[in-house]
């Protein structure tokens, strides 16, 4: 299986807990993925994970990420979801 590059999370300032919520896993699981520990991304999640990471790359290019500091956690998640949806629609 090809190695997945999670560096976009750090560059976009998307927290591991936020990414975990988006893909439906625990923060600890995302931490293991980012630090190359454990078994890696399950084959049933690879497509979703890589698609979302690609969307964050697009958001970085479009200067939609990183978000400004000081945004409340719930507002951050709502904004990140909107950015993700916009990027996914772009294809």
PDB file of N, CA and C in Angstrom:
ATOM      1  N   UNK A   1       0.841  -1.180   0.000  1.00  0.00           N
ATOM      2  CA  UNK A   1       0.000   0.000   0.000  1.00  0.00           C
ATOM      3  C   UNK A   1       0.887   1.245   0.000  1.00  0.00           C
ATOM      4  N   UNK A   2       0.527   2.246  -0.791  1.00  0.00           N
ATOM      5  CA  UNK A   2       1.297   3.491  -0.862  1.00  0.00           C
ATOM      6  C   UNK A   2       1.156   4.265   0.440  1.00  0.00           C
ATOM      7  N   UNK A   3       2.230   4.930   0.805  1.00  0.00           N
ATOM      8  CA  UNK A   3       2.225   5.745   2.010  1.00  0.00           C
ATOM      9  C   UNK A   3       1.454   7.035   1.745  1.00  0.00           C
ATOM     10  N   UNK A   4       0.658   7.446   2.703  1.00  0.00           N
ATOM     11  CA  UNK A   4      -0.148   8.657   2.572  1.00  0.00           C
ATOM     12  C   UNK A   4       0.574   9.789   3.292  1.00  0.00           C
ATOM     13  N   UNK A   5       0.646  10.940   2.634  1.00  0.00           N
ATOM     14  CA  UNK A   5       1.322  12.103   3.199  1.00  0.00           C
ATOM     15  C   UNK A   5       0.310  12.963   3.964  1.00  0.00           C
ATOM     16  N   UNK A   6       0.480  13.021   5.279  1.00  0.00           N
ATOM     17  CA  UNK A   6      -0.432  13.778   6.136  1.00  0.00           C
ATOM     18  C   UNK A   6       0.104  15.168   6.459  1.00  0.00           C
ATOM     19  N   UNK A   7       1.196  15.579   5.823  1.00  0.00           N
ATOM     20  CA  UNK A   7       1.802  16.871   6.153  1.00  0.00           C
ATOM     21  C   UNK A   7       0.868  18.048   5.876  1.00  0.00           C
ATOM     22  N   UNK A   8      -0.115  17.862   5.005  1.00  0.00           N
ATOM     23  CA  UNK A   8      -1.049  18.943   4.713  1.00  0.00           C
ATOM     24  C   UNK A   8      -1.836  19.348   5.959  1.00  0.00           C
ATOM     25  N   UNK A   9      -2.036  18.426   6.885  1.00  0.00           N
ATOM     26  CA  UNK A   9      -2.759  18.784   8.109  1.00  0.00           C
ATOM     27  C   UNK A   9      -1.981  19.837   8.891  1.00  0.00           C
ATOM     28  N   UNK A  10      -0.696  19.637   9.023  1.00  0.00           N
ATOM     29  CA  UNK A  10       0.128  20.598   9.745  1.00  0.00           C
ATOM     30  C   UNK A  10       0.210  21.920   8.988  1.00  0.00           C
ATOM     31  N   UNK A  11       0.415  21.862   7.691  1.00  0.00           N
ATOM     32  CA  UNK A  11       0.534  23.082   6.893  1.00  0.00           C
ATOM     33  C   UNK A  11      -0.756  23.886   6.876  1.00  0.00           C
ATOM     34  N   UNK A  12      -1.895  23.195   6.889  1.00  0.00           N
ATOM     35  CA  UNK A  12      -3.190  23.870   6.847  1.00  0.00           C
ATOM     36  C   UNK A  12      -3.709  24.214   8.242  1.00  0.00           C
ATOM     37  N   UNK A  13      -2.999  23.749   9.252  1.00  0.00           N
ATOM     38  CA  UNK A  13      -3.372  23.974  10.658  1.00  0.00           C
ATOM     39  C   UNK A  13      -4.711  23.317  11.013  1.00  0.00           C
ATOM     40  N   UNK A  14      -5.057  22.257  10.277  1.00  0.00           N
ATOM     41  CA  UNK A  14      -6.224  21.446  10.639  1.00  0.00           C
ATOM     42  C   UNK A  14      -5.756  20.472  11.706  1.00  0.00           C
ATOM     43  N   UNK A  15      -6.419  20.498  12.830  1.00  0.00           N
ATOM     44  CA  UNK A  15      -6.017  19.662  13.964  1.00  0.00           C
ATOM     45  C   UNK A  15      -6.354  18.201  13.695  1.00  0.00           C
ATOM     46  N   UNK A  16      -5.561  17.331  14.291  1.00  0.00           N
ATOM     47  CA  UNK A  16      -5.804  15.896  14.131  1.00  0.00           C
ATOM     48  C   UNK A  16      -7.200  15.526  14.606  1.00  0.00           C
ATOM     49  N   UNK A  17      -7.661  16.124  15.690  1.00  0.00           N
ATOM     50  CA  UNK A  17      -9.006  15.832  16.204  1.00  0.00           C
ATOM     51  C   UNK A  17     -10.075  16.258  15.203  1.00  0.00           C
ATOM     52  N   UNK A  18      -9.845  17.371  14.511  1.00  0.00           N
ATOM     53  CA  UNK A  18     -10.799  17.840  13.509  1.00  0.00           C
ATOM     54  C   UNK A  18     -10.832  16.886  12.317  1.00  0.00           C
ATOM     55  N   UNK A  19      -9.664  16.486  11.852  1.00  0.00           N
ATOM     56  CA  UNK A  19      -9.608  15.541  10.741  1.00  0.00           C
ATOM     57  C   UNK A  19     -10.245  14.211  11.137  1.00  0.00           C
ATOM     58  N   UNK A  20      -9.996  13.785  12.362  1.00  0.00           N
ATOM     59  CA  UNK A  20     -10.584  12.537  12.857  1.00  0.00           C
ATOM     60  C   UNK A  20     -12.107  12.598  12.813  1.00  0.00           C
ATOM     61  N   UNK A  21     -12.652  13.714  13.245  1.00  0.00           N
ATOM     62  CA  UNK A  21     -14.111  13.871  13.228  1.00  0.00           C
ATOM     63  C   UNK A  21     -14.645  13.825  11.800  1.00  0.00           C
ATOM     64  N   UNK A  22     -13.942  14.432  10.884  1.00  0.00           N
ATOM     65  CA  UNK A  22     -14.379  14.457   9.486  1.00  0.00           C
ATOM     66  C   UNK A  22     -14.393  13.069   8.856  1.00  0.00           C
ATOM     67  N   UNK A  23     -13.387  12.248   9.172  1.00  0.00           N
ATOM     68  CA  UNK A  23     -13.309  10.932   8.535  1.00  0.00           C
ATOM     69  C   UNK A  23     -13.910   9.817   9.383  1.00  0.00           C
ATOM     70  N   UNK A  24     -14.336  10.131  10.604  1.00  0.00           N
ATOM     71  CA  UNK A  24     -15.041   9.153  11.422  1.00  0.00           C
ATOM     72  C   UNK A  24     -14.162   8.171  12.175  1.00  0.00           C
ATOM     73  N   UNK A  25     -13.012   8.673  12.647  1.00  0.00           N
ATOM     74  CA  UNK A  25     -12.117   7.846  13.467  1.00  0.00           C
ATOM     75  C   UNK A  25     -11.723   8.646  14.706  1.00  0.00           C
ATOM     76  N   UNK A  26     -10.959   8.038  15.587  1.00  0.00           N
ATOM     77  CA  UNK A  26     -10.515   8.743  16.785  1.00  0.00           C
ATOM     78  C   UNK A  26      -9.298   9.614  16.483  1.00  0.00           C
ATOM     79  N   UNK A  27      -9.065  10.589  17.347  1.00  0.00           N
ATOM     80  CA  UNK A  27      -7.878  11.424  17.214  1.00  0.00           C
ATOM     81  C   UNK A  27      -6.623  10.576  17.346  1.00  0.00           C
ATOM     82  N   UNK A  28      -6.670   9.578  18.223  1.00  0.00           N
ATOM     83  CA  UNK A  28      -5.515   8.692  18.402  1.00  0.00           C
ATOM     84  C   UNK A  28      -5.192   7.947  17.108  1.00  0.00           C
ATOM     85  N   UNK A  29      -6.203   7.550  16.368  1.00  0.00           N
ATOM     86  CA  UNK A  29      -5.991   6.866  15.089  1.00  0.00           C
ATOM     87  C   UNK A  29      -5.294   7.794  14.105  1.00  0.00           C
ATOM     88  N   UNK A  30      -5.765   9.033  14.005  1.00  0.00           N
ATOM     89  CA  UNK A  30      -5.134   9.993  13.099  1.00  0.00           C
ATOM     90  C   UNK A  30      -3.697  10.254  13.540  1.00  0.00           C
ATOM     91  N   UNK A  31      -3.464  10.334  14.837  1.00  0.00           N
ATOM     92  CA  UNK A  31      -2.113  10.536  15.341  1.00  0.00           C
ATOM     93  C   UNK A  31      -1.200   9.390  14.909  1.00  0.00           C
ATOM     94  N   UNK A  32      -1.699   8.170  14.985  1.00  0.00           N
ATOM     95  CA  UNK A  32      -0.909   7.010  14.531  1.00  0.00           C
ATOM     96  C   UNK A  32      -0.621   7.105  13.037  1.00  0.00           C
ATOM     97  N   UNK A  33      -1.614   7.510  12.252  1.00  0.00           N
ATOM     98  CA  UNK A  33      -1.405   7.668  10.816  1.00  0.00           C
ATOM     99  C   UNK A  33      -0.324   8.700  10.546  1.00  0.00           C
ATOM    100  N   UNK A  34      -0.421   9.838  11.217  1.00  0.00           N
ATOM    101  CA  UNK A  34       0.516  10.948  10.979  1.00  0.00           C
ATOM    102  C   UNK A  34       1.935  10.599  11.405  1.00  0.00           C
ATOM    103  N   UNK A  35       2.072   9.728  12.378  1.00  0.00           N
ATOM    104  CA  UNK A  35       3.386   9.365  12.899  1.00  0.00           C
ATOM    105  C   UNK A  35       3.846   7.981  12.452  1.00  0.00           C
ATOM    106  N   UNK A  36       3.172   7.435  11.426  1.00  0.00           N
ATOM    107  CA  UNK A  36       3.534   6.133  10.851  1.00  0.00           C
ATOM    108  C   UNK A  36       3.635   5.031  11.898  1.00  0.00           C
ATOM    109  N   UNK A  37       2.667   5.021  12.803  1.00  0.00           N
ATOM    110  CA  UNK A  37       2.597   3.950  13.797  1.00  0.00           C
ATOM    111  C   UNK A  37       1.355   3.112  13.505  1.00  0.00           C
ATOM    112  N   UNK A  38       1.396   1.882  13.889  1.00  0.00           N
ATOM    113  CA  UNK A  38       0.239   1.017  13.700  1.00  0.00           C
ATOM    114  C   UNK A  38       0.164   0.463  12.290  1.00  0.00           C
ATOM    115  N   UNK A  39      -1.030   0.097  11.909  1.00  0.00           N
ATOM    116  CA  UNK A  39      -1.247  -0.596  10.640  1.00  0.00           C
ATOM    117  C   UNK A  39      -1.483   0.351   9.465  1.00  0.00           C
ATOM    118  N   UNK A  40      -1.601   1.641   9.702  1.00  0.00           N
ATOM    119  CA  UNK A  40      -1.895   2.580   8.627  1.00  0.00           C
ATOM    120  C   UNK A  40      -3.389   2.701   8.397  1.00  0.00           C
ATOM    121  N   UNK A  41      -3.741   3.412   7.366  1.00  0.00           N
ATOM    122  CA  UNK A  41      -5.141   3.663   7.043  1.00  0.00           C
ATOM    123  C   UNK A  41      -5.774   2.379   6.514  1.00  0.00           C
ATOM    124  N   UNK A  42      -6.898   2.012   7.089  1.00  0.00           N
ATOM    125  CA  UNK A  42      -7.627   0.824   6.648  1.00  0.00           C
ATOM    126  C   UNK A  42      -8.027   1.000   5.185  1.00  0.00           C
ATOM    127  N   UNK A  43      -7.976  -0.073   4.428  1.00  0.00           N
ATOM    128  CA  UNK A  43      -8.239   0.010   2.981  1.00  0.00           C
ATOM    129  C   UNK A  43      -9.625   0.578   2.653  1.00  0.00           C
ATOM    130  N   UNK A  44     -10.578   0.436   3.564  1.00  0.00           N
ATOM    131  CA  UNK A  44     -11.917   0.977   3.323  1.00  0.00           C
ATOM    132  C   UNK A  44     -11.980   2.492   3.525  1.00  0.00           C
ATOM    133  N   UNK A  45     -10.967   3.063   4.158  1.00  0.00           N
ATOM    134  CA  UNK A  45     -10.942   4.502   4.412  1.00  0.00           C
ATOM    135  C   UNK A  45      -9.941   5.252   3.530  1.00  0.00           C
ATOM    136  N   UNK A  46      -9.095   4.534   2.824  1.00  0.00           N
ATOM    137  CA  UNK A  46      -8.026   5.177   2.050  1.00  0.00           C
ATOM    138  C   UNK A  46      -8.579   6.207   1.075  1.00  0.00           C
ATOM    139  N   UNK A  47      -9.610   5.873   0.331  1.00  0.00           N
ATOM    140  CA  UNK A  47     -10.147   6.788  -0.675  1.00  0.00           C
ATOM    141  C   UNK A  47     -10.648   8.082  -0.026  1.00  0.00           C
ATOM    142  N   UNK A  48     -11.404   7.959   1.045  1.00  0.00           N
ATOM    143  CA  UNK A  48     -11.937   9.141   1.731  1.00  0.00           C
ATOM    144  C   UNK A  48     -10.811   9.994   2.298  1.00  0.00           C
ATOM    145  N   UNK A  49      -9.861   9.353   2.961  1.00  0.00           N
ATOM    146  CA  UNK A  49      -8.746  10.072   3.581  1.00  0.00           C
ATOM    147  C   UNK A  49      -7.941  10.815   2.527  1.00  0.00           C
ATOM    148  N   UNK A  50      -7.594  10.160   1.444  1.00  0.00           N
ATOM    149  CA  UNK A  50      -6.781  10.819   0.417  1.00  0.00           C
ATOM    150  C   UNK A  50      -7.571  11.929  -0.291  1.00  0.00           C
ATOM    151  N   UNK A  51      -8.862  11.722  -0.475  1.00  0.00           N
ATOM    152  CA  UNK A  51      -9.698  12.754  -1.094  1.00  0.00           C
ATOM    153  C   UNK A  51      -9.751  14.000  -0.202  1.00  0.00           C
ATOM    154  N   UNK A  52      -9.922  13.802   1.097  1.00  0.00           N
ATOM    155  CA  UNK A  52      -9.987  14.937   2.026  1.00  0.00           C
ATOM    156  C   UNK A  52      -8.639  15.640   2.127  1.00  0.00           C
ATOM    157  N   UNK A  53      -7.549  14.902   2.155  1.00  0.00           N
ATOM    158  CA  UNK A  53      -6.231  15.521   2.199  1.00  0.00           C
ATOM    159  C   UNK A  53      -5.991  16.335   0.931  1.00  0.00           C
ATOM    160  N   UNK A  54      -6.422  15.820  -0.200  1.00  0.00           N
ATOM    161  CA  UNK A  54      -6.316  16.562  -1.457  1.00  0.00           C
ATOM    162  C   UNK A  54      -7.145  17.835  -1.440  1.00  0.00           C
ATOM    163  N   UNK A  55      -8.313  17.768  -0.821  1.00  0.00           N
ATOM    164  CA  UNK A  55      -9.155  18.957  -0.705  1.00  0.00           C
ATOM    165  C   UNK A  55      -8.475  20.014   0.162  1.00  0.00           C
ATOM    166  N   UNK A  56      -7.794  19.582   1.211  1.00  0.00           N
ATOM    167  CA  UNK A  56      -7.063  20.538   2.050  1.00  0.00           C
ATOM    168  C   UNK A  56      -5.896  21.152   1.283  1.00  0.00           C
ATOM    169  N   UNK A  57      -5.244  20.383   0.414  1.00  0.00           N
ATOM    170  CA  UNK A  57      -4.194  20.936  -0.449  1.00  0.00           C
ATOM    171  C   UNK A  57      -4.785  22.035  -1.330  1.00  0.00           C
ATOM    172  N   UNK A  58      -5.947  21.776  -1.892  1.00  0.00           N
ATOM    173  CA  UNK A  58      -6.623  22.776  -2.715  1.00  0.00           C
ATOM    174  C   UNK A  58      -6.985  24.017  -1.923  1.00  0.00           C
ATOM    175  N   UNK A  59      -7.435  23.830  -0.702  1.00  0.00           N
ATOM    176  CA  UNK A  59      -7.788  24.962   0.158  1.00  0.00           C
ATOM    177  C   UNK A  59      -6.563  25.796   0.506  1.00  0.00           C
ATOM    178  N   UNK A  60      -5.418  25.137   0.660  1.00  0.00           N
ATOM    179  CA  UNK A  60      -4.170  25.876   0.883  1.00  0.00           C
ATOM    180  C   UNK A  60      -3.824  26.716  -0.351  1.00  0.00           C
ATOM    181  N   UNK A  61      -3.942  26.118  -1.530  1.00  0.00           N
ATOM    182  CA  UNK A  61      -3.652  26.838  -2.775  1.00  0.00           C
ATOM    183  C   UNK A  61      -4.580  28.040  -2.951  1.00  0.00           C
ATOM    184  N   UNK A  62      -5.849  27.868  -2.529  1.00  0.00           N
ATOM    185  CA  UNK A  62      -6.843  28.936  -2.673  1.00  0.00           C
ATOM    186  C   UNK A  62      -6.798  29.934  -1.511  1.00  0.00           C
ATOM    187  N   UNK A  63      -5.871  29.704  -0.578  1.00  0.00           N
ATOM    188  CA  UNK A  63      -5.728  30.552   0.615  1.00  0.00           C
ATOM    189  C   UNK A  63      -6.957  30.545   1.523  1.00  0.00           C
ATOM    190  N   UNK A  64      -7.721  29.456   1.491  1.00  0.00           N
ATOM    191  CA  UNK A  64      -8.844  29.287   2.418  1.00  0.00           C
ATOM    192  C   UNK A  64      -8.376  28.715   3.753  1.00  0.00           C
ATOM    193  N   UNK A  65      -7.233  28.082   3.739  1.00  0.00           N
ATOM    194  CA  UNK A  65      -6.595  27.546   4.943  1.00  0.00           C
ATOM    195  C   UNK A  65      -5.171  28.063   4.970  1.00  0.00           C
ATOM    196  N   UNK A  66      -4.569  28.214   6.128  1.00  0.00           N
ATOM    197  CA  UNK A  66      -5.118  27.961   7.460  1.00  0.00           C
ATOM    198  C   UNK A  66      -6.103  29.054   7.883  1.00  0.00           C
ATOM    199  N   UNK A  67      -6.957  28.668   8.827  1.00  0.00           N
ATOM    200  CA  UNK A  67      -7.919  29.602   9.387  1.00  0.00           C
ATOM    201  C   UNK A  67      -7.218  30.564  10.337  1.00  0.00           C
ATOM    202  N   UNK A  68      -7.833  31.706  10.542  1.00  0.00           N
ATOM    203  CA  UNK A  68      -7.298  32.669  11.496  1.00  0.00           C
ATOM    204  C   UNK A  68      -7.396  32.103  12.909  1.00  0.00           C
ATOM    205  N   UNK A  69      -6.470  32.498  13.759  1.00  0.00           N
ATOM    206  CA  UNK A  69      -6.461  32.049  15.150  1.00  0.00           C
ATOM    207  C   UNK A  69      -7.647  32.655  15.905  1.00  0.00           C
ATOM    208  N   UNK A  70      -8.041  31.983  16.960  1.00  0.00           N
ATOM    209  CA  UNK A  70      -9.067  32.511  17.847  1.00  0.00           C
ATOM    210  C   UNK A  70     -10.492  32.157  17.488  1.00  0.00           C
ATOM    211  N   UNK A  71     -10.690  31.324  16.483  1.00  0.00           N
ATOM    212  CA  UNK A  71     -12.051  30.916  16.115  1.00  0.00           C
ATOM    213  C   UNK A  71     -12.495  29.817  17.075  1.00  0.00           C
ATOM    214  N   UNK A  72     -13.708  29.940  17.592  1.00  0.00           N
ATOM    215  CA  UNK A  72     -14.264  28.943  18.506  1.00  0.00           C
ATOM    216  C   UNK A  72     -14.289  27.576  17.834  1.00  0.00           C
ATOM    217  N   UNK A  73     -14.107  26.524  18.621  1.00  0.00           N
ATOM    218  CA  UNK A  73     -14.010  25.155  18.108  1.00  0.00           C
ATOM    219  C   UNK A  73     -15.170  24.775  17.186  1.00  0.00           C
ATOM    220  N   UNK A  74     -16.389  25.075  17.592  1.00  0.00           N
ATOM    221  CA  UNK A  74     -17.542  24.703  16.767  1.00  0.00           C
ATOM    222  C   UNK A  74     -17.574  25.497  15.460  1.00  0.00           C
ATOM    223  N   UNK A  75     -17.205  26.757  15.540  1.00  0.00           N
ATOM    224  CA  UNK A  75     -17.139  27.570  14.322  1.00  0.00           C
ATOM    225  C   UNK A  75     -16.026  27.084  13.403  1.00  0.00           C
ATOM    226  N   UNK A  76     -14.901  26.648  13.987  1.00  0.00           N
ATOM    227  CA  UNK A  76     -13.798  26.084  13.188  1.00  0.00           C
ATOM    228  C   UNK A  76     -14.284  24.882  12.393  1.00  0.00           C
ATOM    229  N   UNK A  77     -14.967  23.969  13.080  1.00  0.00           N
ATOM    230  CA  UNK A  77     -15.430  22.751  12.405  1.00  0.00           C
ATOM    231  C   UNK A  77     -16.419  23.085  11.298  1.00  0.00           C
ATOM    232  N   UNK A  78     -17.325  23.997  11.554  1.00  0.00           N
ATOM    233  CA  UNK A  78     -18.292  24.381  10.538  1.00  0.00           C
ATOM    234  C   UNK A  78     -17.579  24.994   9.326  1.00  0.00           C
ATOM    235  N   UNK A  79     -16.612  25.852   9.581  1.00  0.00           N
ATOM    236  CA  UNK A  79     -15.862  26.486   8.503  1.00  0.00           C
ATOM    237  C   UNK A  79     -15.042  25.462   7.732  1.00  0.00           C
ATOM    238  N   UNK A  80     -14.390  24.561   8.440  1.00  0.00           N
ATOM    239  CA  UNK A  80     -13.593  23.522   7.780  1.00  0.00           C
ATOM    240  C   UNK A  80     -14.490  22.635   6.921  1.00  0.00           C
ATOM    241  N   UNK A  81     -15.658  22.278   7.427  1.00  0.00           N
ATOM    242  CA  UNK A  81     -16.592  21.462   6.635  1.00  0.00           C
ATOM    243  C   UNK A  81     -17.003  22.187   5.349  1.00  0.00           C
ATOM    244  N   UNK A  82     -17.289  23.490   5.451  1.00  0.00           N
ATOM    245  CA  UNK A  82     -17.682  24.261   4.269  1.00  0.00           C
ATOM    246  C   UNK A  82     -16.538  24.317   3.260  1.00  0.00           C
ATOM    247  N   UNK A  83     -15.334  24.546   3.747  1.00  0.00           N
ATOM    248  CA  UNK A  83     -14.163  24.585   2.863  1.00  0.00           C
ATOM    249  C   UNK A  83     -13.972  23.230   2.183  1.00  0.00           C
ATOM    250  N   UNK A  84     -14.094  22.157   2.964  1.00  0.00           N
ATOM    251  CA  UNK A  84     -13.942  20.807   2.431  1.00  0.00           C
ATOM    252  C   UNK A  84     -14.984  20.534   1.354  1.00  0.00           C
ATOM    253  N   UNK A  85     -16.227  20.876   1.631  1.00  0.00           N
ATOM    254  CA  UNK A  85     -17.303  20.652   0.666  1.00  0.00           C
ATOM    255  C   UNK A  85     -17.057  21.439  -0.626  1.00  0.00           C
ATOM    256  N   UNK A  86     -16.640  22.686  -0.495  1.00  0.00           N
ATOM    257  CA  UNK A  86     -16.337  23.511  -1.660  1.00  0.00           C
ATOM    258  C   UNK A  86     -15.235  22.877  -2.496  1.00  0.00           C
ATOM    259  N   UNK A  87     -14.187  22.429  -1.841  1.00  0.00           N
ATOM    260  CA  UNK A  87     -13.057  21.816  -2.557  1.00  0.00           C
ATOM    261  C   UNK A  87     -13.471  20.497  -3.216  1.00  0.00           C
ATOM    262  N   UNK A  88     -14.264  19.697  -2.517  1.00  0.00           N
ATOM    263  CA  UNK A  88     -14.704  18.418  -3.088  1.00  0.00           C
ATOM    264  C   UNK A  88     -15.585  18.637  -4.313  1.00  0.00           C
ATOM    265  N   UNK A  89     -16.386  19.689  -4.302  1.00  0.00           N
ATOM    266  CA  UNK A  89     -17.229  19.991  -5.462  1.00  0.00           C
ATOM    267  C   UNK A  89     -16.403  20.402  -6.676  1.00  0.00           C
ATOM    268  N   UNK A  90     -15.258  21.042  -6.391  1.00  0.00           N
ATOM    269  CA  UNK A  90     -14.358  21.440  -7.480  1.00  0.00           C
ATOM    270  C   UNK A  90     -13.739  20.222  -8.168  1.00  0.00           C
ATOM    271  N   UNK A  91     -13.673  19.133  -7.384  1.00  0.00           N
ATOM    272  CA  UNK A  91     -13.147  17.894  -7.948  1.00  0.00           C
ATOM    273  C   UNK A  91     -11.692  17.820  -7.822  1.00  0.00           C
TER     274      UNK A  91
END
